[in-house]
Amino acid sequence: MTACRIDHLHLRSPDPEAAARFYAAAFEARETGRMEVNGALRVMLDLGGLMLFIEAVPPETPKPPPAPFQGIEHIGLTVPDLDAAIAHLDGLGVKLTSGPREMRPGLRIAFIDGPDKVRIELLERRS
């Protein structure tokens, strides 16, 4: 088997700048660059160590269907304090779509919808 490591996650958005502002405000993502790819703006972010590429597409580009569906369904982000994260997001006008709930002792989760119907799971893991 060939050894590998994660390089990036690539999202598509009709407004990559607005999507990038969301990830920066909500999760302290840091912009690392911008470029044009075949005439489309690509904004690159460092999201907690994950390189996130957000590339422009026309507004009429199909959106993902409601979950569950095949393929990548959501991004999971660990937070140190789920209640504090939810309060922060609420202050930004971001509403929960599910949770918070305890999945098992030591694991609490909640879900939000990010820009462009990207489903985001917040996880708080306690020992």
C-alpha atoms as a PDB file:
ATOM      1  CA  MET A   1       0.000   0.000   0.000  1.00  0.00           C
ATOM      2  CA  THR A   2       1.181   3.516  -0.734  1.00  0.00           C
ATOM      3  CA  ALA A   3       1.461   5.711   2.363  1.00  0.00           C
ATOM      4  CA  CYS A   4      -0.543   8.894   2.191  1.00  0.00           C
ATOM      5  CA  ARG A   5      -1.589  11.912   4.218  1.00  0.00           C
ATOM      6  CA  ILE A   6      -4.404  14.402   3.811  1.00  0.00           C
ATOM      7  CA  ASP A   7      -3.619  17.313   1.494  1.00  0.00           C
ATOM      8  CA  HIS A   8      -6.840  19.309   1.182  1.00  0.00           C
ATOM      9  CA  LEU A   9     -10.628  19.297   1.049  1.00  0.00           C
ATOM     10  CA  HIS A  10     -12.087  21.036  -2.001  1.00  0.00           C
ATOM     11  CA  LEU A  11     -15.441  22.820  -1.775  1.00  0.00           C
ATOM     12  CA  ARG A  12     -17.372  24.616  -4.509  1.00  0.00           C
ATOM     13  CA  SER A  13     -19.314  27.820  -3.870  1.00  0.00           C
ATOM     14  CA  PRO A  14     -21.035  30.547  -5.879  1.00  0.00           C
ATOM     15  CA  ASP A  15     -19.415  32.993  -3.405  1.00  0.00           C
ATOM     16  CA  PRO A  16     -16.074  31.634  -2.154  1.00  0.00           C
ATOM     17  CA  GLU A  17     -15.204  34.899  -0.397  1.00  0.00           C
ATOM     18  CA  ALA A  18     -18.398  34.772   1.716  1.00  0.00           C
ATOM     19  CA  ALA A  19     -17.812  31.087   2.469  1.00  0.00           C
ATOM     20  CA  ALA A  20     -14.223  31.852   3.523  1.00  0.00           C
ATOM     21  CA  ARG A  21     -15.454  34.658   5.818  1.00  0.00           C
ATOM     22  CA  PHE A  22     -17.837  32.164   7.469  1.00  0.00           C
ATOM     23  CA  TYR A  23     -15.064  29.633   8.217  1.00  0.00           C
ATOM     24  CA  ALA A  24     -12.802  32.431   9.508  1.00  0.00           C
ATOM     25  CA  ALA A  25     -15.473  33.898  11.811  1.00  0.00           C
ATOM     26  CA  ALA A  26     -16.936  30.597  12.977  1.00  0.00           C
ATOM     27  CA  PHE A  27     -13.801  28.457  13.326  1.00  0.00           C
ATOM     28  CA  GLU A  28     -10.785  30.801  13.170  1.00  0.00           C
ATOM     29  CA  ALA A  29      -9.771  29.466   9.754  1.00  0.00           C
ATOM     30  CA  ARG A  30      -6.856  31.442   8.334  1.00  0.00           C
ATOM     31  CA  GLU A  31      -6.619  32.421   4.688  1.00  0.00           C
ATOM     32  CA  THR A  32      -3.381  31.136   3.184  1.00  0.00           C
ATOM     33  CA  GLY A  33      -3.790  32.237  -0.420  1.00  0.00           C
ATOM     34  CA  ARG A  34      -5.911  33.008  -3.447  1.00  0.00           C
ATOM     35  CA  MET A  35      -5.567  32.119  -7.086  1.00  0.00           C
ATOM     36  CA  GLU A  36      -7.537  31.849 -10.288  1.00  0.00           C
ATOM     37  CA  VAL A  37      -8.105  28.400 -11.727  1.00  0.00           C
ATOM     38  CA  ASN A  38      -9.565  28.401 -15.227  1.00  0.00           C
ATOM     39  CA  GLY A  39     -11.014  31.853 -14.556  1.00  0.00           C
ATOM     40  CA  ALA A  40     -12.554  30.888 -11.199  1.00  0.00           C
ATOM     41  CA  LEU A  41     -11.448  32.323  -7.855  1.00  0.00           C
ATOM     42  CA  ARG A  42     -10.061  29.800  -5.369  1.00  0.00           C
ATOM     43  CA  VAL A  43      -9.651  30.876  -1.723  1.00  0.00           C
ATOM     44  CA  MET A  44      -7.384  28.636   0.351  1.00  0.00           C
ATOM     45  CA  LEU A  45      -7.808  28.353   4.123  1.00  0.00           C
ATOM     46  CA  ASP A  46      -6.123  26.535   6.968  1.00  0.00           C
ATOM     47  CA  LEU A  47      -9.021  25.098   8.978  1.00  0.00           C
ATOM     48  CA  GLY A  48      -7.473  23.603  12.112  1.00  0.00           C
ATOM     49  CA  GLY A  49      -4.691  21.994  10.091  1.00  0.00           C
ATOM     50  CA  LEU A  50      -6.922  20.951   7.171  1.00  0.00           C
ATOM     51  CA  MET A  51      -6.297  22.832   3.931  1.00  0.00           C
ATOM     52  CA  LEU A  52      -9.678  23.923   2.624  1.00  0.00           C
ATOM     53  CA  PHE A  53      -9.946  25.063  -1.003  1.00  0.00           C
ATOM     54  CA  ILE A  54     -13.139  26.998  -1.806  1.00  0.00           C
ATOM     55  CA  GLU A  55     -13.563  27.514  -5.536  1.00  0.00           C
ATOM     56  CA  ALA A  56     -16.142  29.589  -7.394  1.00  0.00           C
ATOM     57  CA  VAL A  57     -18.875  27.954  -9.468  1.00  0.00           C
ATOM     58  CA  PRO A  58     -21.888  29.516 -11.204  1.00  0.00           C
ATOM     59  CA  PRO A  59     -24.953  29.980  -8.931  1.00  0.00           C
ATOM     60  CA  GLU A  60     -26.964  27.463 -10.981  1.00  0.00           C
ATOM     61  CA  THR A  61     -24.528  24.646 -10.110  1.00  0.00           C
ATOM     62  CA  PRO A  62     -26.513  21.826  -8.426  1.00  0.00           C
ATOM     63  CA  LYS A  63     -26.441  21.726  -4.625  1.00  0.00           C
ATOM     64  CA  PRO A  64     -26.029  18.525  -2.583  1.00  0.00           C
ATOM     65  CA  PRO A  65     -29.215  16.702  -1.617  1.00  0.00           C
ATOM     66  CA  PRO A  66     -30.379  16.493   1.996  1.00  0.00           C
ATOM     67  CA  ALA A  67     -28.391  13.981   4.075  1.00  0.00           C
ATOM     68  CA  PRO A  68     -28.000  11.064   4.080  1.00  0.00           C
ATOM     69  CA  PHE A  69     -26.475  10.513   0.649  1.00  0.00           C
ATOM     70  CA  GLN A  70     -23.480   8.691  -0.797  1.00  0.00           C
ATOM     71  CA  GLY A  71     -20.081  10.329  -0.725  1.00  0.00           C
ATOM     72  CA  ILE A  72     -18.686  12.843   1.731  1.00  0.00           C
ATOM     73  CA  GLU A  73     -21.567  13.794   3.987  1.00  0.00           C
ATOM     74  CA  HIS A  74     -20.052  16.214   6.485  1.00  0.00           C
ATOM     75  CA  ILE A  75     -16.936  17.779   7.984  1.00  0.00           C
ATOM     76  CA  GLY A  76     -16.264  16.853  11.636  1.00  0.00           C
ATOM     77  CA  LEU A  77     -14.542  19.485  13.782  1.00  0.00           C
ATOM     78  CA  THR A  78     -13.441  18.900  17.370  1.00  0.00           C
ATOM     79  CA  VAL A  79     -14.046  21.787  19.767  1.00  0.00           C
ATOM     80  CA  PRO A  80     -12.828  22.013  23.382  1.00  0.00           C
ATOM     81  CA  ASP A  81     -16.212  23.223  24.710  1.00  0.00           C
ATOM     82  CA  LEU A  82     -19.337  22.416  22.702  1.00  0.00           C
ATOM     83  CA  ASP A  83     -21.567  24.802  24.639  1.00  0.00           C
ATOM     84  CA  ALA A  84     -19.136  27.703  24.108  1.00  0.00           C
ATOM     85  CA  ALA A  85     -18.858  26.862  20.394  1.00  0.00           C
ATOM     86  CA  ILE A  86     -22.641  26.793  20.048  1.00  0.00           C
ATOM     87  CA  ALA A  87     -22.933  30.151  21.843  1.00  0.00           C
ATOM     88  CA  HIS A  88     -20.262  31.647  19.546  1.00  0.00           C
ATOM     89  CA  LEU A  89     -22.022  30.361  16.434  1.00  0.00           C
ATOM     90  CA  ASP A  90     -25.396  31.556  17.720  1.00  0.00           C
ATOM     91  CA  GLY A  91     -23.863  35.030  18.071  1.00  0.00           C
ATOM     92  CA  LEU A  92     -22.965  34.824  14.365  1.00  0.00           C
ATOM     93  CA  GLY A  93     -26.549  33.866  13.497  1.00  0.00           C
ATOM     94  CA  VAL A  94     -25.680  30.211  12.829  1.00  0.00           C
ATOM     95  CA  LYS A  95     -28.406  27.856  14.040  1.00  0.00           C
ATOM     96  CA  LEU A  96     -28.063  24.221  15.030  1.00  0.00           C
ATOM     97  CA  THR A  97     -29.637  21.629  12.765  1.00  0.00           C
ATOM     98  CA  SER A  98     -29.232  18.837  15.335  1.00  0.00           C
ATOM     99  CA  GLY A  99     -28.124  18.501  18.954  1.00  0.00           C
ATOM    100  CA  PRO A 100     -26.359  19.007  21.135  1.00  0.00           C
ATOM    101  CA  ARG A 101     -26.596  15.439  22.332  1.00  0.00           C
ATOM    102  CA  GLU A 102     -24.468  12.919  24.142  1.00  0.00           C
ATOM    103  CA  MET A 103     -23.617  10.027  21.839  1.00  0.00           C
ATOM    104  CA  ARG A 104     -21.908   8.077  24.591  1.00  0.00           C
ATOM    105  CA  PRO A 105     -20.068   8.986  27.783  1.00  0.00           C
ATOM    106  CA  GLY A 106     -17.327  11.458  26.874  1.00  0.00           C
ATOM    107  CA  LEU A 107     -18.689  12.397  23.436  1.00  0.00           C
ATOM    108  CA  ARG A 108     -21.154  15.204  22.715  1.00  0.00           C
ATOM    109  CA  ILE A 109     -22.062  16.324  19.204  1.00  0.00           C
ATOM    110  CA  ALA A 110     -24.090  18.930  17.339  1.00  0.00           C
ATOM    111  CA  PHE A 111     -24.581  19.766  13.663  1.00  0.00           C
ATOM    112  CA  ILE A 112     -24.824  23.039  11.763  1.00  0.00           C
ATOM    113  CA  ASP A 113     -25.150  23.886   8.092  1.00  0.00           C
ATOM    114  CA  GLY A 114     -22.240  25.903   6.742  1.00  0.00           C
ATOM    115  CA  PRO A 115     -22.245  27.860   3.504  1.00  0.00           C
ATOM    116  CA  ASP A 116     -23.414  26.069   0.361  1.00  0.00           C
ATOM    117  CA  LYS A 117     -25.164  23.305   2.317  1.00  0.00           C
ATOM    118  CA  VAL A 118     -21.910  21.955   3.789  1.00  0.00           C
ATOM    119  CA  ARG A 119     -22.927  19.945   6.845  1.00  0.00           C
ATOM    120  CA  ILE A 120     -20.583  20.476   9.804  1.00  0.00           C
ATOM    121  CA  GLU A 121     -20.437  18.273  12.892  1.00  0.00           C
ATOM    122  CA  LEU A 122     -19.020  19.725  16.106  1.00  0.00           C
ATOM    123  CA  LEU A 123     -17.599  17.164  18.540  1.00  0.00           C
ATOM    124  CA  GLU A 124     -16.556  17.598  22.146  1.00  0.00           C
ATOM    125  CA  ARG A 125     -14.513  14.653  23.405  1.00  0.00           C
ATOM    126  CA  ARG A 126     -13.889  14.279  27.132  1.00  0.00           C
ATOM    127  CA  SER A 127     -11.836  11.605  28.821  1.00  0.00           C
END
